[in-house]
Amino acid sequence: MTTHDIVGKLWNLCNVLKDDGVTFHQYVTELTYLLFLKMAEETGTEDQLPEGYRWSDLEARAAPDRLEFYKILLIHLGSHGSLLVQEIFANASSFIKKPATLSTLVAEIDKLDWYSARHEGLGDLYEGLLEKNANEKKSGAGQYFTPRVLIDSMVALMQPTLADVIQDPAAGTGGFLIAANRWLRSHSDPDSWTEAQQTKYRRNTFYGMEHVQDTHRLALMNLMLHGIDSVPPAAGIHYGDTLSPEGQALPRATLMLTNPPFGTKKGGGLPSRDDFTYPTSNKQFAFLQHIYRGLKPGGRAAVVLPDNVLFESNVGADIRRDLMDKCNLHTILRLPTGIFYAQGVKTNVLFFTRGEKDKGNTREVWVYDLRANMPQFGKRTQLTREHFADFERAFGSDPAVGAEALAARIDTGDCGRFRRFTREEIAARGDSLDISWLKDDSETSAGDLPEPAVLAREAMDELEGALAELRGILEELGEELDDEVVE
């Protein structure tokens, strides 16, 4: 049985919970609790769980009593066991209402081919579940999930090393850190690492922060299954708000890989941290300041940002100028539409390197247009790594893109996808970086409209994406209100 088969079986179990009114995102959270217990048994790591609160104890309970014991178990594990256990089960509660529902889940999970699951990789199994959840528009989880082929391309260009301190200040479910770890280990020989290197790898390599507690527990589970220490005071993903003083406490990084949340801060308020030169309620601009200010000299970054970051005036233009002063913003990748859960969102990847000084670091910006004349990506047309192949070749092999690498690039002008713009040309545009030059023949003209059914489906996709984003906002707002009640 393959990982794909096991993921399919686990995902189909969500049908068991429909009668209990459980959403897809709640289901993955619920499944995380149960899978943690079962995987601890399968991997021989139950010593991190207190005796009497393990998978076998849950399984041994009589079916009518199992749900009541399960709810007690969740509360108990929030304050007992290893630090990882306590983080994953912090404020945990069950969405299940019927004892028979829990008994069905326990029985079906127990019947899975766990030998094949271990052989295929438990981390890949869990990643498959997260991807299923993100692709299910009704779950609203797409906002936390960056397409893995995009992550893999960004990581390959940035080439993480054992010397790096890697940070994702908007960690979501941990995809960037896991991909960076995979690259690092596959391009090195862990068996040859010295004791000091092993210690540095475990305790001072991967850092992140996530503001939504349910997403934070998914991230911890994901990192654990991929062999990454994920609980502070070692490295790992902290539960907190990057735009608060908690974010200021993150260590400076040599590599930032992230896809910050879109939108404005709740109520239009400013970030509560006091170290931003340009305070703004716009989350993307606030995160962008955190990223380039949090890089060590020579540190590099690859960041997914929406189009408005490239063209907004006033404070937006001030932040872009500050970025281009402090960093060498050497490359912008204009991404295709339709690769995120909200179909209409237009995004880019900004690649930059922090300078040794704080002025005049950007002398030219190269823009690669992977948006014009590209297919509409979605369920019918899947985004693959091959779609990034030409860009990766054009980008070159230097992750910091120094002067020699820039000189080696070929400006394809108006007829191609890669084009160079000097800092003076950008200044003449009012420091707008929203630059396009290709005629996009893929845009539908009035005389060439698709069938009404296709239009209706695309409109429904956009509506569902907007509703998913709204659900995510409401989830965050509900969690903030809960925190206020607790306080």
Protein backbone atom coordinates (compact mmCIF):
# COMPACT_ATOMS: atom_id res chain seq x y z
CA MET A 1 0.00 0.00 0.00
CA THR A 2 1.42 3.40 -1.00
CA THR A 3 1.34 6.68 0.91
CA HIS A 4 -1.26 7.89 -1.58
CA ASP A 5 -3.51 4.92 -0.73
CA ILE A 6 -3.15 5.47 3.02
CA VAL A 7 -3.81 9.20 2.70
CA GLY A 8 -6.92 8.39 0.70
CA LYS A 9 -8.18 6.02 3.37
CA LEU A 10 -7.54 8.54 6.16
CA TRP A 11 -9.16 11.35 4.19
CA ASN A 12 -12.25 9.24 3.48
CA LEU A 13 -12.71 8.81 7.22
CA CYS A 14 -13.80 12.43 7.34
CA ASN A 15 -17.12 11.19 5.99
CA VAL A 16 -17.61 9.46 9.36
CA LEU A 17 -17.59 12.89 11.03
CA LYS A 18 -20.02 14.64 8.71
CA ASP A 19 -23.00 13.72 10.88
CA ASP A 20 -21.23 15.35 13.81
CA GLY A 21 -20.97 18.63 11.86
CA VAL A 22 -17.15 18.53 11.80
CA THR A 23 -15.42 20.61 9.12
CA PHE A 24 -12.48 19.36 7.05
CA HIS A 25 -10.01 21.56 8.91
CA GLN A 26 -11.38 20.41 12.27
CA TYR A 27 -11.09 16.84 11.04
CA VAL A 28 -7.38 17.18 10.28
CA THR A 29 -6.84 18.67 13.75
CA GLU A 30 -8.82 15.80 15.32
CA LEU A 31 -6.88 13.29 13.25
CA THR A 32 -3.61 14.86 14.41
CA TYR A 33 -4.42 13.99 18.03
CA LEU A 34 -5.27 10.39 17.18
CA LEU A 35 -2.38 9.91 14.75
CA PHE A 36 0.11 11.27 17.27
CA LEU A 37 -0.97 8.61 19.77
CA LYS A 38 -0.92 5.83 17.17
CA MET A 39 2.38 6.90 15.58
CA ALA A 40 4.03 7.06 19.02
CA GLU A 41 3.07 3.42 19.47
CA GLU A 42 4.26 2.45 15.99
CA THR A 43 7.61 4.25 16.28
CA GLY A 44 8.43 3.20 19.86
CA THR A 45 8.37 6.76 21.21
CA GLU A 46 5.55 6.36 23.73
CA ASP A 47 7.90 7.31 26.57
CA GLN A 48 7.07 10.96 25.77
CA LEU A 49 3.44 10.23 26.74
CA PRO A 50 2.43 9.68 30.39
CA GLU A 51 1.42 6.13 31.27
CA GLY A 52 -2.29 5.54 31.11
CA TYR A 53 -2.78 8.10 28.32
CA ARG A 54 -1.54 6.23 25.27
CA TRP A 55 -3.09 4.63 22.19
CA SER A 56 -3.49 1.25 23.83
CA ASP A 57 -5.30 2.86 26.77
CA LEU A 58 -7.72 4.59 24.42
CA GLU A 59 -8.24 1.43 22.40
CA ALA A 60 -8.82 -0.69 25.53
CA ARG A 61 -11.76 1.40 26.71
CA ALA A 62 -15.23 0.06 26.13
CA ALA A 63 -16.83 1.79 23.15
CA PRO A 64 -19.50 3.66 25.17
CA ASP A 65 -16.85 5.04 27.56
CA ARG A 66 -14.15 5.82 25.00
CA LEU A 67 -15.26 9.33 24.06
CA GLU A 68 -15.40 10.52 27.67
CA PHE A 69 -11.92 9.09 28.33
CA TYR A 70 -10.62 10.64 25.08
CA LYS A 71 -11.73 14.12 26.13
CA ILE A 72 -10.03 13.67 29.53
CA LEU A 73 -6.90 12.42 27.73
CA LEU A 74 -6.73 15.55 25.54
CA ILE A 75 -6.90 17.84 28.56
CA HIS A 76 -4.33 15.79 30.49
CA LEU A 77 -1.80 15.77 27.62
CA GLY A 78 -2.00 19.56 27.43
CA SER A 79 -0.02 19.73 30.68
CA HIS A 80 1.72 16.33 30.95
CA GLY A 81 4.32 14.46 28.94
CA SER A 82 7.15 15.89 26.86
CA LEU A 83 7.28 19.53 25.80
CA LEU A 84 6.30 18.48 22.30
CA VAL A 85 3.27 16.59 23.60
CA GLN A 86 2.18 19.57 25.68
CA GLU A 87 2.57 21.94 22.72
CA ILE A 88 0.61 19.72 20.32
CA PHE A 89 -2.19 19.14 22.85
CA ALA A 90 -2.26 22.69 24.24
CA ASN A 91 -5.91 23.76 24.69
CA ALA A 92 -6.96 20.65 22.79
CA SER A 93 -10.62 19.69 22.65
CA SER A 94 -12.61 17.23 20.59
CA PHE A 95 -15.20 18.10 17.98
CA ILE A 96 -16.65 14.57 18.15
CA LYS A 97 -20.07 14.27 19.77
CA LYS A 98 -21.00 10.59 19.31
CA PRO A 99 -19.10 7.70 20.99
CA ALA A 100 -19.69 5.51 17.93
CA THR A 101 -17.92 8.07 15.72
CA LEU A 102 -14.73 7.94 17.79
CA SER A 103 -14.83 4.15 17.96
CA THR A 104 -15.05 3.97 14.17
CA LEU A 105 -12.06 6.30 13.77
CA VAL A 106 -9.97 4.33 16.29
CA ALA A 107 -10.81 1.01 14.63
CA GLU A 108 -10.10 2.27 11.09
CA ILE A 109 -6.81 3.93 12.07
CA ASP A 110 -5.71 0.73 13.79
CA LYS A 111 -6.45 -1.28 10.63
CA LEU A 112 -4.18 0.81 8.39
CA ASP A 113 -1.05 -0.75 6.90
CA TRP A 114 1.39 0.86 9.33
CA TYR A 115 4.34 -1.19 8.07
CA SER A 116 3.91 0.39 4.62
CA ALA A 117 3.32 3.80 6.21
CA ARG A 118 6.65 3.63 8.06
CA HIS A 119 8.42 2.38 4.96
CA GLU A 120 6.96 5.12 2.75
CA GLY A 121 7.57 7.78 5.41
CA LEU A 122 5.21 9.01 8.09
CA GLY A 123 6.11 12.60 7.28
CA ASP A 124 5.05 12.16 3.65
CA LEU A 125 1.80 10.60 4.85
CA TYR A 126 1.01 13.59 7.03
CA GLU A 127 2.03 16.08 4.33
CA GLY A 128 -0.39 14.29 2.01
CA LEU A 129 -3.21 14.88 4.48
CA LEU A 130 -2.35 18.57 4.80
CA GLU A 131 -2.32 18.93 1.02
CA LYS A 132 -5.72 17.21 0.77
CA ASN A 133 -7.05 19.65 3.33
CA ALA A 134 -5.61 22.65 1.51
CA ASN A 135 -7.07 21.53 -1.80
CA GLU A 136 -10.52 21.17 -0.25
CA LYS A 137 -11.86 24.71 -0.72
CA LYS A 138 -14.55 24.24 1.91
CA SER A 139 -11.91 23.76 4.61
CA GLY A 140 -10.49 27.28 4.34
CA ALA A 141 -7.03 25.77 4.94
CA GLY A 142 -5.53 26.81 1.60
CA GLN A 143 -4.41 30.06 3.20
CA TYR A 144 -1.90 28.05 5.26
CA PHE A 145 -0.59 25.92 2.40
CA THR A 146 1.90 27.03 -0.26
CA PRO A 147 2.10 24.68 -3.29
CA ARG A 148 4.96 22.29 -2.62
CA VAL A 149 6.39 22.58 -6.13
CA LEU A 150 6.77 26.33 -5.59
CA ILE A 151 8.40 25.77 -2.20
CA ASP A 152 10.80 23.22 -3.69
CA SER A 153 11.80 25.63 -6.45
CA MET A 154 12.43 28.48 -4.00
CA VAL A 155 14.47 26.23 -1.72
CA ALA A 156 16.55 24.85 -4.60
CA LEU A 157 17.46 28.39 -5.67
CA MET A 158 18.39 29.45 -2.12
CA GLN A 159 20.49 26.29 -1.47
CA PRO A 160 20.27 25.97 2.36
CA THR A 161 23.42 24.81 4.13
CA LEU A 162 24.28 23.55 7.60
CA ALA A 163 25.74 26.97 8.38
CA ASP A 164 22.36 28.68 7.86
CA VAL A 165 19.91 29.92 10.46
CA ILE A 166 16.64 29.42 8.59
CA GLN A 167 13.44 31.23 9.52
CA ASP A 168 9.82 31.25 8.38
CA PRO A 169 8.01 34.01 10.32
CA ALA A 170 4.62 32.88 8.95
CA ALA A 171 5.22 29.16 9.28
CA GLY A 172 1.77 27.73 8.57
CA THR A 173 2.12 23.95 8.60
CA GLY A 174 5.93 24.10 8.24
CA GLY A 175 6.35 23.35 4.54
CA PHE A 176 9.27 25.73 3.92
CA LEU A 177 11.30 24.47 6.88
CA ILE A 178 10.70 20.84 5.94
CA ALA A 179 11.75 21.44 2.33
CA ALA A 180 14.86 23.31 3.52
CA ASN A 181 15.72 20.41 5.80
CA ARG A 182 15.25 17.91 2.96
CA TRP A 183 17.56 19.95 0.69
CA LEU A 184 20.17 20.39 3.41
CA ARG A 185 20.35 16.68 4.26
CA SER A 186 20.31 15.50 0.64
CA HIS A 187 23.17 17.86 -0.31
CA SER A 188 25.33 16.97 2.66
CA ASP A 189 26.40 13.84 4.54
CA PRO A 190 24.80 13.91 8.00
CA ASP A 191 26.92 10.94 9.07
CA SER A 192 30.04 13.07 8.63
CA TRP A 193 28.81 15.99 10.74
CA THR A 194 30.82 16.75 13.86
CA GLU A 195 29.18 16.78 17.27
CA ALA A 196 29.17 20.59 17.17
CA GLN A 197 27.48 20.55 13.76
CA GLN A 198 24.89 18.04 14.98
CA THR A 199 24.11 20.27 17.96
CA LYS A 200 23.86 23.36 15.78
CA TYR A 201 21.57 21.50 13.36
CA ARG A 202 19.19 20.38 16.11
CA ARG A 203 19.11 23.55 18.20
CA ASN A 204 19.97 26.53 16.02
CA THR A 205 18.89 25.93 12.43
CA PHE A 206 15.10 26.00 11.96
CA TYR A 207 12.92 28.74 13.41
CA GLY A 208 9.39 29.85 12.76
CA MET A 209 6.29 31.45 14.24
CA GLU A 210 2.61 30.70 13.73
CA HIS A 211 -0.27 32.78 15.08
CA VAL A 212 -3.17 30.28 14.79
CA GLN A 213 -2.98 27.58 17.46
CA ASP A 214 -4.62 24.77 15.48
CA THR A 215 -2.26 25.43 12.57
CA HIS A 216 0.65 25.58 15.03
CA ARG A 217 -0.10 22.08 16.32
CA LEU A 218 -0.28 20.78 12.73
CA ALA A 219 3.13 22.35 12.08
CA LEU A 220 4.66 20.74 15.18
CA MET A 221 3.32 17.34 14.15
CA ASN A 222 4.61 17.84 10.60
CA LEU A 223 8.12 18.81 11.71
CA MET A 224 8.30 15.97 14.22
CA LEU A 225 7.40 13.38 11.56
CA HIS A 226 10.13 14.82 9.33
CA GLY A 227 12.74 14.50 12.08
CA ILE A 228 13.06 18.19 12.98
CA ASP A 229 13.24 19.34 16.61
CA SER A 230 10.24 21.61 16.75
CA VAL A 231 9.81 22.84 20.30
CA PRO A 232 11.57 25.83 21.86
CA PRO A 233 13.93 26.48 23.67
CA ALA A 234 15.62 24.51 20.92
CA ALA A 235 14.76 25.80 17.47
CA GLY A 236 11.33 25.10 16.08
CA ILE A 237 8.07 26.84 15.42
CA HIS A 238 6.89 29.13 18.20
CA TYR A 239 3.23 29.87 18.86
CA GLY A 240 2.90 33.62 18.70
CA ASP A 241 2.42 36.77 16.63
CA THR A 242 5.39 37.81 14.50
CA LEU A 243 4.02 41.35 14.36
CA SER A 244 4.23 41.62 18.16
CA PRO A 245 7.28 41.75 20.45
CA GLU A 246 7.26 37.93 20.21
CA GLY A 247 8.46 38.34 16.62
CA GLN A 248 11.25 40.66 17.72
CA ALA A 249 12.60 37.83 19.88
CA LEU A 250 13.21 35.52 16.89
CA PRO A 251 16.94 35.24 16.17
CA ARG A 252 18.34 37.00 13.10
CA ALA A 253 18.52 34.65 10.14
CA THR A 254 20.84 33.96 7.24
CA LEU A 255 17.93 32.59 5.17
CA MET A 256 14.26 33.58 5.17
CA LEU A 257 11.73 31.43 3.30
CA THR A 258 8.09 32.38 3.73
CA ASN A 259 4.63 33.15 2.38
CA PRO A 260 3.21 35.78 4.78
CA PRO A 261 -0.57 36.14 5.27
CA PHE A 262 -2.44 38.57 3.05
CA GLY A 263 -4.77 41.31 4.26
CA THR A 264 -4.78 43.87 7.06
CA LYS A 265 -4.34 43.50 10.78
CA LYS A 266 -7.59 43.03 12.73
CA GLY A 267 -9.49 46.28 13.15
CA GLY A 268 -6.92 48.09 11.00
CA GLY A 269 -4.58 48.45 13.99
CA LEU A 270 -0.82 48.75 13.76
CA PRO A 271 1.59 45.98 14.76
CA SER A 272 2.30 46.01 18.49
CA ARG A 273 6.08 45.79 18.02
CA ASP A 274 7.96 49.09 18.01
CA ASP A 275 10.96 48.41 15.78
CA PHE A 276 9.39 48.99 12.35
CA THR A 277 10.50 52.19 10.63
CA TYR A 278 7.22 52.30 8.72
CA PRO A 279 4.28 51.15 10.90
CA THR A 280 1.37 49.86 8.80
CA SER A 281 -1.73 47.72 9.29
CA ASN A 282 -0.98 45.97 5.98
CA LYS A 283 0.27 42.51 6.98
CA GLN A 284 2.39 41.96 3.88
CA PHE A 285 4.31 45.22 4.31
CA ALA A 286 4.72 44.59 8.04
CA PHE A 287 6.05 41.07 7.43
CA LEU A 288 8.33 42.34 4.66
CA GLN A 289 9.93 44.76 7.13
CA HIS A 290 10.38 41.93 9.65
CA ILE A 291 12.05 39.82 6.97
CA TYR A 292 14.65 42.24 5.62
CA ARG A 293 15.34 43.73 9.05
CA GLY A 294 15.74 40.23 10.50
CA LEU A 295 18.40 39.14 7.98
CA LYS A 296 22.05 39.13 8.94
CA PRO A 297 24.40 40.94 6.51
CA GLY A 298 24.76 38.63 3.51
CA GLY A 299 21.57 36.80 4.48
CA ARG A 300 19.21 35.91 1.65
CA ALA A 301 15.44 35.67 1.34
CA ALA A 302 12.76 34.26 -0.97
CA VAL A 303 9.31 35.60 -0.12
CA VAL A 304 5.87 35.13 -1.69
CA LEU A 305 3.98 38.45 -1.81
CA PRO A 306 0.86 39.71 -3.62
CA ASP A 307 0.91 42.29 -6.41
CA ASN A 308 -0.15 45.19 -4.19
CA VAL A 309 3.24 45.08 -2.43
CA LEU A 310 4.82 45.97 -5.77
CA PHE A 311 2.73 49.04 -6.55
CA GLU A 312 1.04 50.54 -3.45
CA SER A 313 2.02 54.17 -2.91
CA ASN A 314 2.76 56.19 0.24
CA VAL A 315 4.06 53.86 2.98
CA GLY A 316 4.27 51.04 0.42
CA ALA A 317 6.70 53.04 -1.72
CA ASP A 318 8.70 53.99 1.40
CA ILE A 319 9.07 50.32 2.37
CA ARG A 320 10.11 49.31 -1.15
CA ARG A 321 12.75 52.04 -1.18
CA ASP A 322 13.99 50.92 2.24
CA LEU A 323 14.12 47.31 1.02
CA MET A 324 16.12 48.29 -2.08
CA ASP A 325 18.49 50.39 0.04
CA LYS A 326 19.17 47.74 2.68
CA CYS A 327 19.09 44.74 0.33
CA ASN A 328 19.99 43.73 -3.17
CA LEU A 329 16.54 43.00 -4.57
CA HIS A 330 17.95 41.13 -7.52
CA THR A 331 15.00 39.05 -8.81
CA ILE A 332 11.20 39.14 -8.97
CA LEU A 333 9.26 36.13 -10.23
CA ARG A 334 5.73 36.97 -11.41
CA LEU A 335 3.76 33.83 -10.55
CA PRO A 336 0.88 32.40 -12.57
CA THR A 337 -2.67 32.95 -11.34
CA GLY A 338 -4.73 30.13 -9.90
CA ILE A 339 -1.99 28.41 -7.91
CA PHE A 340 -3.41 29.45 -4.54
CA TYR A 341 -6.79 28.63 -3.04
CA ALA A 342 -8.27 32.03 -4.00
CA GLN A 343 -8.21 31.93 -7.79
CA GLY A 344 -7.98 35.68 -8.36
CA VAL A 345 -4.94 36.30 -6.15
CA LYS A 346 -1.88 37.45 -8.12
CA THR A 347 1.44 36.79 -6.44
CA ASN A 348 5.19 37.09 -6.88
CA VAL A 349 8.37 35.78 -5.31
CA LEU A 350 10.85 38.44 -4.24
CA PHE A 351 14.47 37.28 -3.97
CA PHE A 352 16.88 39.57 -2.11
CA THR A 353 20.13 39.59 -0.15
CA ARG A 354 20.87 41.83 2.84
CA GLY A 355 23.76 44.18 2.20
CA GLU A 356 26.78 44.83 4.37
CA LYS A 357 25.68 48.47 4.52
CA ASP A 358 22.21 50.03 4.56
CA LYS A 359 22.30 52.16 1.44
CA GLY A 360 22.42 51.63 -2.32
CA ASN A 361 22.40 47.84 -2.40
CA THR A 362 19.96 47.39 -5.31
CA ARG A 363 21.42 48.49 -8.61
CA GLU A 364 19.25 46.45 -10.93
CA VAL A 365 16.21 44.20 -10.63
CA TRP A 366 15.55 41.27 -12.94
CA VAL A 367 11.88 40.42 -13.50
CA TYR A 368 10.83 36.99 -14.80
CA ASP A 369 7.24 36.87 -16.08
CA LEU A 370 5.81 33.41 -15.48
CA ARG A 371 2.25 34.80 -15.55
CA ALA A 372 1.65 35.98 -19.11
CA ASN A 373 0.56 33.31 -21.61
CA MET A 374 0.41 30.60 -18.98
CA PRO A 375 -2.46 28.14 -18.48
CA GLN A 376 -5.10 28.65 -15.80
CA PHE A 377 -3.89 26.36 -13.05
CA GLY A 378 -6.29 24.40 -10.89
CA LYS A 379 -7.66 20.88 -10.66
CA ARG A 380 -7.69 20.49 -14.44
CA THR A 381 -4.16 21.81 -15.01
CA GLN A 382 -1.71 21.00 -12.23
CA LEU A 383 1.28 23.19 -11.47
CA THR A 384 4.46 21.10 -11.65
CA ARG A 385 8.14 21.66 -10.96
CA GLU A 386 8.79 21.61 -14.70
CA HIS A 387 6.90 24.90 -15.02
CA PHE A 388 9.75 26.52 -13.05
CA ALA A 389 12.59 24.87 -14.98
CA ASP A 390 13.35 27.75 -17.38
CA PHE A 391 13.22 30.30 -14.56
CA GLU A 392 15.61 28.23 -12.43
CA ARG A 393 18.06 28.01 -15.33
CA ALA A 394 17.81 31.76 -15.90
CA PHE A 395 18.22 32.51 -12.19
CA GLY A 396 21.60 30.75 -12.09
CA SER A 397 23.50 28.79 -9.47
CA ASP A 398 24.38 31.65 -7.07
CA PRO A 399 21.78 31.81 -4.24
CA ALA A 400 22.88 35.35 -3.30
CA VAL A 401 23.09 36.42 -6.97
CA GLY A 402 26.22 38.50 -6.85
CA ALA A 403 27.52 40.82 -9.56
CA GLU A 404 29.02 38.00 -11.63
CA ALA A 405 25.76 36.05 -11.61
CA LEU A 406 23.82 39.16 -12.65
CA ALA A 407 26.25 39.83 -15.47
CA ALA A 408 25.80 36.27 -16.75
CA ARG A 409 22.05 36.65 -17.16
CA ILE A 410 20.58 37.24 -20.60
CA ASP A 411 18.09 40.09 -20.99
CA THR A 412 15.43 38.72 -23.34
CA GLY A 413 13.79 42.12 -23.71
CA ASP A 414 10.25 42.54 -24.98
CA CYS A 415 10.10 39.14 -26.64
CA GLY A 416 11.04 36.97 -23.71
CA ARG A 417 10.21 36.35 -20.06
CA PHE A 418 13.38 37.71 -18.36
CA ARG A 419 14.17 41.40 -18.34
CA ARG A 420 16.53 43.74 -16.46
CA PHE A 421 15.53 47.10 -14.97
CA THR A 422 18.07 49.49 -13.47
CA ARG A 423 17.46 51.20 -10.15
CA GLU A 424 17.18 54.49 -12.06
CA GLU A 425 14.48 53.09 -14.33
CA ILE A 426 12.54 51.87 -11.29
CA ALA A 427 12.87 55.27 -9.60
CA ALA A 428 11.46 56.88 -12.75
CA ARG A 429 8.41 54.64 -12.32
CA GLY A 430 7.79 56.07 -8.85
CA ASP A 431 9.55 53.03 -7.34
CA SER A 432 6.77 50.76 -8.57
CA LEU A 433 7.91 47.19 -9.14
CA ASP A 434 4.69 46.07 -10.82
CA ILE A 435 6.38 45.60 -14.17
CA SER A 436 5.04 43.68 -17.16
CA TRP A 437 5.85 43.93 -20.84
CA LEU A 438 4.47 40.77 -22.46
CA LYS A 439 1.12 40.83 -24.24
CA ASP A 440 -0.93 38.22 -22.43
CA ASP A 441 -2.78 36.28 -25.14
CA SER A 442 -4.13 33.92 -22.48
CA GLU A 443 -6.51 36.64 -21.23
CA THR A 444 -9.94 35.96 -22.63
CA SER A 445 -11.22 38.56 -25.09
CA ALA A 446 -14.88 39.54 -25.35
CA GLY A 447 -15.17 37.67 -28.63
CA ASP A 448 -13.65 34.48 -27.31
CA LEU A 449 -15.51 33.73 -24.08
CA PRO A 450 -15.60 30.17 -22.77
CA GLU A 451 -18.86 28.30 -22.37
CA PRO A 452 -21.20 29.64 -19.67
CA ALA A 453 -20.71 26.50 -17.59
CA VAL A 454 -16.96 27.11 -17.48
CA LEU A 455 -17.47 30.74 -16.54
CA ALA A 456 -19.89 29.73 -13.82
CA ARG A 457 -17.42 27.17 -12.45
CA GLU A 458 -14.60 29.72 -12.39
CA ALA A 459 -16.85 32.27 -10.66
CA MET A 460 -17.79 29.65 -8.08
CA ASP A 461 -14.09 28.86 -7.54
CA GLU A 462 -13.38 32.52 -6.82
CA LEU A 463 -16.40 32.77 -4.50
CA GLU A 464 -15.35 29.66 -2.60
CA GLY A 465 -11.82 31.03 -2.30
CA ALA A 466 -13.16 34.29 -0.85
CA LEU A 467 -15.39 32.38 1.57
CA ALA A 468 -12.43 30.22 2.60
CA GLU A 469 -10.39 33.33 3.35
CA LEU A 470 -13.31 34.73 5.38
CA ARG A 471 -13.54 31.48 7.36
CA GLY A 472 -9.85 31.69 8.15
CA ILE A 473 -10.24 35.28 9.36
CA LEU A 474 -13.20 34.30 11.53
CA GLU A 475 -11.22 31.38 12.98
CA GLU A 476 -8.36 33.73 13.92
CA LEU A 477 -10.81 36.26 15.36
CA GLY A 478 -12.55 33.56 17.40
CA GLU A 479 -9.21 32.38 18.75
CA GLU A 480 -8.21 35.93 19.71
CA LEU A 481 -11.54 36.38 21.52
CA ASP A 482 -10.98 33.11 23.36
CA ASP A 483 -7.55 34.34 24.43
CA GLU A 484 -9.07 37.57 25.73
CA VAL A 485 -11.65 35.63 27.74
CA VAL A 486 -8.89 33.50 29.26
CA GLU A 487 -6.88 36.57 30.14
